[in-house]
Amino acid sequence: MMLSITPLYAGLLALVFAVLSALVVIQRVALDKAPDGADETDLNKSMRVQANFVEYVPITLFLMLCAELQGAPAVAVHAMGIALLAARLAHAIGMSRTPQVIALRAGGFLLTVLTLVLSALAVIGHALF
């Protein structure tokens, strides 16, 4: 069974989520409120690493599921999965270190958002065309 309605909305919602996430990052940078403050405990940092993972992984996995159900080539679905896994690992490692490894954290975030947006656009495109 080919899905066409749910993937359209999943893709659109993923784009909204990406924009909302970008706004939070922009505001944190502008206010210098990155979660690496001197008063932050190791427990709080671990909780933010875990929460950040939970914020991005479910919707991206759902987009992968939509793409697979739409009949995307296996290599494309694997590429999404590998990119998401690598991105989330890099981000978690970079964010959990003290001091943070900004290159891993930022690179992981960028690769996550890129995977999310490209997956969203793919399922939207397939749903519409």
N, C-alpha and C. Protein backbone atom coordinates (compact mmCIF):
# COMPACT_ATOMS: atom_id res chain seq x y z
N MET A 1 0.83 -1.18 0.00
CA MET A 1 0.00 0.00 0.00
C MET A 1 0.87 1.25 0.00
N MET A 2 0.64 2.13 -0.93
CA MET A 2 1.41 3.36 -1.04
C MET A 2 0.70 4.47 -0.25
N LEU A 3 1.44 5.13 0.59
CA LEU A 3 0.89 6.25 1.35
C LEU A 3 1.08 7.54 0.56
N SER A 4 0.12 8.45 0.62
CA SER A 4 0.31 9.73 -0.04
C SER A 4 -0.15 10.90 0.81
N ILE A 5 -1.07 10.69 1.74
CA ILE A 5 -1.56 11.81 2.54
C ILE A 5 -0.69 12.05 3.76
N THR A 6 -0.45 11.02 4.54
CA THR A 6 0.36 11.18 5.75
C THR A 6 1.77 11.70 5.44
N PRO A 7 2.45 11.19 4.42
CA PRO A 7 3.78 11.73 4.12
C PRO A 7 3.78 13.23 3.79
N LEU A 8 2.74 13.69 3.14
CA LEU A 8 2.65 15.11 2.82
C LEU A 8 2.66 15.94 4.11
N TYR A 9 1.82 15.55 5.07
CA TYR A 9 1.75 16.30 6.31
C TYR A 9 2.97 16.08 7.19
N ALA A 10 3.51 14.89 7.16
CA ALA A 10 4.74 14.62 7.92
C ALA A 10 5.87 15.51 7.41
N GLY A 11 5.99 15.64 6.11
CA GLY A 11 7.02 16.50 5.53
C GLY A 11 6.80 17.95 5.88
N LEU A 12 5.58 18.42 5.76
CA LEU A 12 5.29 19.82 6.08
C LEU A 12 5.54 20.12 7.56
N LEU A 13 5.12 19.21 8.43
CA LEU A 13 5.36 19.40 9.86
C LEU A 13 6.85 19.35 10.20
N ALA A 14 7.59 18.53 9.50
CA ALA A 14 9.03 18.46 9.72
C ALA A 14 9.70 19.78 9.36
N LEU A 15 9.21 20.43 8.30
CA LEU A 15 9.76 21.73 7.92
C LEU A 15 9.44 22.78 8.99
N VAL A 16 8.23 22.72 9.54
CA VAL A 16 7.89 23.65 10.63
C VAL A 16 8.80 23.39 11.82
N PHE A 17 9.00 22.14 12.17
CA PHE A 17 9.87 21.77 13.28
C PHE A 17 11.29 22.28 13.06
N ALA A 18 11.79 22.17 11.83
CA ALA A 18 13.14 22.65 11.51
C ALA A 18 13.24 24.16 11.70
N VAL A 19 12.23 24.89 11.27
CA VAL A 19 12.24 26.35 11.44
C VAL A 19 12.17 26.71 12.93
N LEU A 20 11.27 26.07 13.67
CA LEU A 20 11.16 26.35 15.10
C LEU A 20 12.47 26.04 15.82
N SER A 21 13.12 24.97 15.44
CA SER A 21 14.40 24.60 16.05
C SER A 21 15.47 25.64 15.73
N ALA A 22 15.48 26.10 14.48
CA ALA A 22 16.45 27.12 14.09
C ALA A 22 16.24 28.41 14.88
N LEU A 23 14.99 28.77 15.12
CA LEU A 23 14.70 29.98 15.89
C LEU A 23 15.21 29.86 17.33
N VAL A 24 15.06 28.69 17.92
CA VAL A 24 15.57 28.47 19.28
C VAL A 24 17.09 28.62 19.29
N VAL A 25 17.75 28.04 18.32
CA VAL A 25 19.22 28.12 18.25
C VAL A 25 19.64 29.58 18.08
N ILE A 26 18.98 30.30 17.19
CA ILE A 26 19.31 31.71 16.95
C ILE A 26 19.13 32.53 18.22
N GLN A 27 18.04 32.27 18.94
CA GLN A 27 17.79 33.00 20.18
C GLN A 27 18.83 32.66 21.25
N ARG A 28 19.20 31.39 21.35
CA ARG A 28 20.22 31.01 22.33
C ARG A 28 21.55 31.67 22.03
N VAL A 29 21.92 31.71 20.76
CA VAL A 29 23.18 32.34 20.38
C VAL A 29 23.11 33.84 20.66
N ALA A 30 22.00 34.47 20.29
CA ALA A 30 21.84 35.91 20.50
C ALA A 30 21.90 36.27 21.99
N LEU A 31 21.34 35.43 22.84
CA LEU A 31 21.30 35.69 24.27
C LEU A 31 22.47 35.05 25.01
N ASP A 32 23.34 34.37 24.25
CA ASP A 32 24.47 33.65 24.85
C ASP A 32 23.98 32.67 25.91
N LYS A 33 22.96 31.89 25.56
CA LYS A 33 22.35 30.94 26.49
C LYS A 33 22.53 29.50 26.06
N ALA A 34 23.64 29.19 25.41
CA ALA A 34 23.89 27.80 25.03
C ALA A 34 23.97 26.96 26.30
N PRO A 35 23.50 25.70 26.26
CA PRO A 35 23.47 24.88 27.47
C PRO A 35 24.84 24.37 27.88
N ASP A 36 25.80 25.27 28.02
CA ASP A 36 27.14 24.89 28.49
C ASP A 36 27.58 25.89 29.55
N GLY A 37 26.63 26.48 30.26
CA GLY A 37 26.94 27.49 31.24
C GLY A 37 27.70 26.93 32.42
N ALA A 38 28.38 27.82 33.14
CA ALA A 38 29.20 27.42 34.27
C ALA A 38 28.38 26.80 35.39
N ASP A 39 27.10 27.18 35.51
CA ASP A 39 26.28 26.66 36.59
C ASP A 39 25.58 25.34 36.23
N GLU A 40 25.82 24.85 35.04
CA GLU A 40 25.15 23.63 34.61
C GLU A 40 25.86 22.40 35.18
N THR A 41 25.08 21.50 35.75
CA THR A 41 25.66 20.29 36.31
C THR A 41 25.81 19.23 35.24
N ASP A 42 26.58 18.23 35.53
CA ASP A 42 26.74 17.11 34.59
C ASP A 42 25.40 16.43 34.32
N LEU A 43 24.57 16.34 35.35
CA LEU A 43 23.26 15.73 35.17
C LEU A 43 22.41 16.55 34.20
N ASN A 44 22.40 17.85 34.37
CA ASN A 44 21.63 18.70 33.46
C ASN A 44 22.13 18.57 32.03
N LYS A 45 23.44 18.51 31.88
CA LYS A 45 24.01 18.36 30.54
C LYS A 45 23.57 17.04 29.92
N SER A 46 23.65 15.97 30.71
CA SER A 46 23.22 14.66 30.20
C SER A 46 21.75 14.67 29.83
N MET A 47 20.94 15.34 30.63
CA MET A 47 19.51 15.41 30.34
C MET A 47 19.27 16.18 29.04
N ARG A 48 20.02 17.24 28.80
CA ARG A 48 19.85 18.01 27.57
C ARG A 48 20.32 17.20 26.36
N VAL A 49 21.39 16.45 26.51
CA VAL A 49 21.86 15.61 25.40
C VAL A 49 20.77 14.61 25.03
N GLN A 50 20.19 13.97 26.04
CA GLN A 50 19.13 12.99 25.80
C GLN A 50 17.88 13.66 25.24
N ALA A 51 17.49 14.77 25.81
CA ALA A 51 16.30 15.47 25.35
C ALA A 51 16.47 15.96 23.91
N ASN A 52 17.66 16.42 23.58
CA ASN A 52 17.92 16.89 22.22
C ASN A 52 17.75 15.75 21.23
N PHE A 53 18.22 14.58 21.60
CA PHE A 53 18.06 13.39 20.76
C PHE A 53 16.57 13.11 20.54
N VAL A 54 15.81 13.15 21.63
CA VAL A 54 14.37 12.87 21.56
C VAL A 54 13.63 13.93 20.73
N GLU A 55 14.15 15.13 20.70
CA GLU A 55 13.51 16.20 19.94
C GLU A 55 13.62 15.99 18.43
N TYR A 56 14.67 15.34 17.96
CA TYR A 56 14.91 15.24 16.52
C TYR A 56 14.69 13.84 15.92
N VAL A 57 15.00 12.82 16.66
CA VAL A 57 14.98 11.47 16.09
C VAL A 57 13.59 10.97 15.71
N PRO A 58 12.56 11.11 16.55
CA PRO A 58 11.26 10.52 16.17
C PRO A 58 10.70 11.06 14.86
N ILE A 59 10.72 12.35 14.65
CA ILE A 59 10.13 12.88 13.42
C ILE A 59 10.95 12.47 12.20
N THR A 60 12.27 12.40 12.36
CA THR A 60 13.11 11.99 11.22
C THR A 60 12.91 10.52 10.91
N LEU A 61 12.80 9.69 11.94
CA LEU A 61 12.51 8.27 11.71
C LEU A 61 11.14 8.09 11.06
N PHE A 62 10.18 8.89 11.48
CA PHE A 62 8.85 8.82 10.88
C PHE A 62 8.92 9.18 9.39
N LEU A 63 9.72 10.18 9.05
CA LEU A 63 9.90 10.55 7.64
C LEU A 63 10.57 9.41 6.87
N MET A 64 11.52 8.74 7.49
CA MET A 64 12.14 7.58 6.85
C MET A 64 11.11 6.50 6.60
N LEU A 65 10.26 6.25 7.57
CA LEU A 65 9.19 5.25 7.41
C LEU A 65 8.27 5.64 6.26
N CYS A 66 7.90 6.90 6.22
CA CYS A 66 7.04 7.37 5.12
C CYS A 66 7.73 7.14 3.78
N ALA A 67 9.00 7.50 3.69
CA ALA A 67 9.74 7.32 2.43
C ALA A 67 9.79 5.85 2.03
N GLU A 68 10.04 5.00 3.01
CA GLU A 68 10.11 3.57 2.71
C GLU A 68 8.75 3.04 2.26
N LEU A 69 7.69 3.44 2.95
CA LEU A 69 6.35 3.00 2.55
C LEU A 69 5.94 3.56 1.19
N GLN A 70 6.50 4.70 0.83
CA GLN A 70 6.22 5.29 -0.49
C GLN A 70 7.00 4.58 -1.60
N GLY A 71 7.90 3.69 -1.23
CA GLY A 71 8.66 2.95 -2.23
C GLY A 71 10.01 3.55 -2.57
N ALA A 72 10.56 4.36 -1.68
CA ALA A 72 11.89 4.93 -1.92
C ALA A 72 12.90 3.80 -2.08
N PRO A 73 13.92 3.99 -2.91
CA PRO A 73 14.95 2.96 -3.04
C PRO A 73 15.61 2.68 -1.69
N ALA A 74 15.95 1.43 -1.48
CA ALA A 74 16.57 1.03 -0.21
C ALA A 74 17.82 1.83 0.09
N VAL A 75 18.60 2.13 -0.94
CA VAL A 75 19.83 2.90 -0.72
C VAL A 75 19.52 4.29 -0.19
N ALA A 76 18.41 4.90 -0.62
CA ALA A 76 18.03 6.22 -0.13
C ALA A 76 17.61 6.17 1.33
N VAL A 77 16.85 5.14 1.69
CA VAL A 77 16.41 5.00 3.08
C VAL A 77 17.61 4.71 3.98
N HIS A 78 18.54 3.87 3.51
CA HIS A 78 19.76 3.61 4.27
C HIS A 78 20.58 4.88 4.42
N ALA A 79 20.66 5.69 3.37
CA ALA A 79 21.41 6.95 3.45
C ALA A 79 20.82 7.87 4.52
N MET A 80 19.48 7.92 4.59
CA MET A 80 18.83 8.71 5.63
C MET A 80 19.20 8.19 7.01
N GLY A 81 19.13 6.87 7.17
CA GLY A 81 19.42 6.26 8.46
C GLY A 81 20.86 6.45 8.88
N ILE A 82 21.78 6.26 7.95
CA ILE A 82 23.22 6.44 8.27
C ILE A 82 23.51 7.88 8.63
N ALA A 83 22.94 8.82 7.86
CA ALA A 83 23.16 10.24 8.14
C ALA A 83 22.60 10.62 9.51
N LEU A 84 21.39 10.15 9.81
CA LEU A 84 20.78 10.46 11.11
C LEU A 84 21.59 9.86 12.25
N LEU A 85 22.00 8.62 12.10
CA LEU A 85 22.80 7.97 13.15
C LEU A 85 24.12 8.69 13.38
N ALA A 86 24.83 9.00 12.30
CA ALA A 86 26.12 9.71 12.41
C ALA A 86 25.92 11.10 13.03
N ALA A 87 24.89 11.78 12.60
CA ALA A 87 24.63 13.14 13.10
C ALA A 87 24.32 13.14 14.58
N ARG A 88 23.46 12.23 15.00
CA ARG A 88 23.07 12.21 16.41
C ARG A 88 24.23 11.76 17.30
N LEU A 89 25.05 10.83 16.80
CA LEU A 89 26.23 10.43 17.58
C LEU A 89 27.21 11.57 17.72
N ALA A 90 27.49 12.26 16.62
CA ALA A 90 28.43 13.39 16.65
C ALA A 90 27.92 14.47 17.59
N HIS A 91 26.64 14.80 17.49
CA HIS A 91 26.08 15.84 18.35
C HIS A 91 26.15 15.43 19.82
N ALA A 92 25.79 14.21 20.13
CA ALA A 92 25.80 13.75 21.52
C ALA A 92 27.22 13.77 22.09
N ILE A 93 28.19 13.31 21.32
CA ILE A 93 29.58 13.31 21.79
C ILE A 93 30.05 14.74 21.99
N GLY A 94 29.80 15.59 21.00
CA GLY A 94 30.25 16.98 21.10
C GLY A 94 29.62 17.74 22.24
N MET A 95 28.33 17.53 22.46
CA MET A 95 27.61 18.26 23.50
C MET A 95 27.93 17.75 24.90
N SER A 96 28.24 16.47 25.04
CA SER A 96 28.44 15.89 26.37
C SER A 96 29.84 16.12 26.93
N ARG A 97 30.78 16.52 26.10
CA ARG A 97 32.14 16.79 26.58
C ARG A 97 32.20 18.11 27.34
N THR A 98 33.17 18.21 28.24
CA THR A 98 33.45 19.46 28.93
C THR A 98 34.93 19.78 28.77
N PRO A 99 35.24 20.84 28.04
CA PRO A 99 34.34 21.73 27.31
C PRO A 99 33.78 21.00 26.08
N GLN A 100 32.70 21.55 25.58
CA GLN A 100 32.05 20.94 24.43
C GLN A 100 32.98 20.95 23.22
N VAL A 101 32.81 19.94 22.37
CA VAL A 101 33.51 19.89 21.09
C VAL A 101 32.54 20.52 20.09
N ILE A 102 32.71 21.82 19.88
CA ILE A 102 31.74 22.58 19.09
C ILE A 102 31.63 22.05 17.66
N ALA A 103 32.74 21.63 17.08
CA ALA A 103 32.70 21.12 15.70
C ALA A 103 31.81 19.88 15.61
N LEU A 104 31.90 18.97 16.57
CA LEU A 104 31.04 17.78 16.56
C LEU A 104 29.59 18.15 16.85
N ARG A 105 29.39 19.02 17.82
CA ARG A 105 28.03 19.41 18.17
C ARG A 105 27.36 20.13 17.00
N ALA A 106 28.02 21.12 16.46
CA ALA A 106 27.45 21.89 15.35
C ALA A 106 27.30 21.04 14.09
N GLY A 107 28.33 20.24 13.80
CA GLY A 107 28.25 19.36 12.63
C GLY A 107 27.13 18.34 12.75
N GLY A 108 26.96 17.79 13.94
CA GLY A 108 25.87 16.85 14.18
C GLY A 108 24.52 17.50 14.03
N PHE A 109 24.39 18.72 14.54
CA PHE A 109 23.13 19.45 14.41
C PHE A 109 22.83 19.75 12.94
N LEU A 110 23.82 20.25 12.23
CA LEU A 110 23.61 20.59 10.81
C LEU A 110 23.25 19.36 9.99
N LEU A 111 23.94 18.25 10.22
CA LEU A 111 23.63 17.03 9.47
C LEU A 111 22.23 16.50 9.84
N THR A 112 21.85 16.64 11.11
CA THR A 112 20.50 16.23 11.52
C THR A 112 19.44 17.05 10.79
N VAL A 113 19.59 18.36 10.81
CA VAL A 113 18.61 19.23 10.16
C VAL A 113 18.61 19.01 8.66
N LEU A 114 19.78 18.80 8.07
CA LEU A 114 19.84 18.52 6.63
C LEU A 114 19.09 17.23 6.31
N THR A 115 19.30 16.19 7.10
CA THR A 115 18.59 14.92 6.90
C THR A 115 17.09 15.11 7.07
N LEU A 116 16.69 15.84 8.10
CA LEU A 116 15.28 16.08 8.35
C LEU A 116 14.65 16.85 7.18
N VAL A 117 15.28 17.91 6.74
CA VAL A 117 14.71 18.74 5.67
C VAL A 117 14.68 17.99 4.34
N LEU A 118 15.77 17.30 4.00
CA LEU A 118 15.78 16.56 2.74
C LEU A 118 14.77 15.42 2.75
N SER A 119 14.64 14.75 3.88
CA SER A 119 13.63 13.69 4.00
C SER A 119 12.23 14.27 3.87
N ALA A 120 12.00 15.41 4.51
CA ALA A 120 10.69 16.07 4.43
C ALA A 120 10.37 16.45 2.99
N LEU A 121 11.33 17.06 2.31
CA LEU A 121 11.10 17.46 0.93
C LEU A 121 10.86 16.25 0.02
N ALA A 122 11.56 15.16 0.30
CA ALA A 122 11.40 13.95 -0.50
C ALA A 122 9.99 13.37 -0.36
N VAL A 123 9.50 13.26 0.88
CA VAL A 123 8.17 12.68 1.05
C VAL A 123 7.08 13.62 0.57
N ILE A 124 7.29 14.93 0.71
CA ILE A 124 6.33 15.90 0.15
C ILE A 124 6.30 15.77 -1.36
N GLY A 125 7.47 15.75 -1.98
CA GLY A 125 7.56 15.64 -3.43
C GLY A 125 6.90 14.38 -3.94
N HIS A 126 7.16 13.27 -3.27
CA HIS A 126 6.57 12.00 -3.70
C HIS A 126 5.05 12.02 -3.51
N ALA A 127 4.59 12.64 -2.43
CA ALA A 127 3.16 12.70 -2.17
C ALA A 127 2.43 13.56 -3.21
N LEU A 128 3.09 14.58 -3.71
CA LEU A 128 2.46 15.50 -4.65
C LEU A 128 2.60 15.08 -6.11
N PHE A 129 3.67 14.35 -6.42
CA PHE A 129 3.94 14.04 -7.85
C PHE A 129 3.87 12.57 -8.13
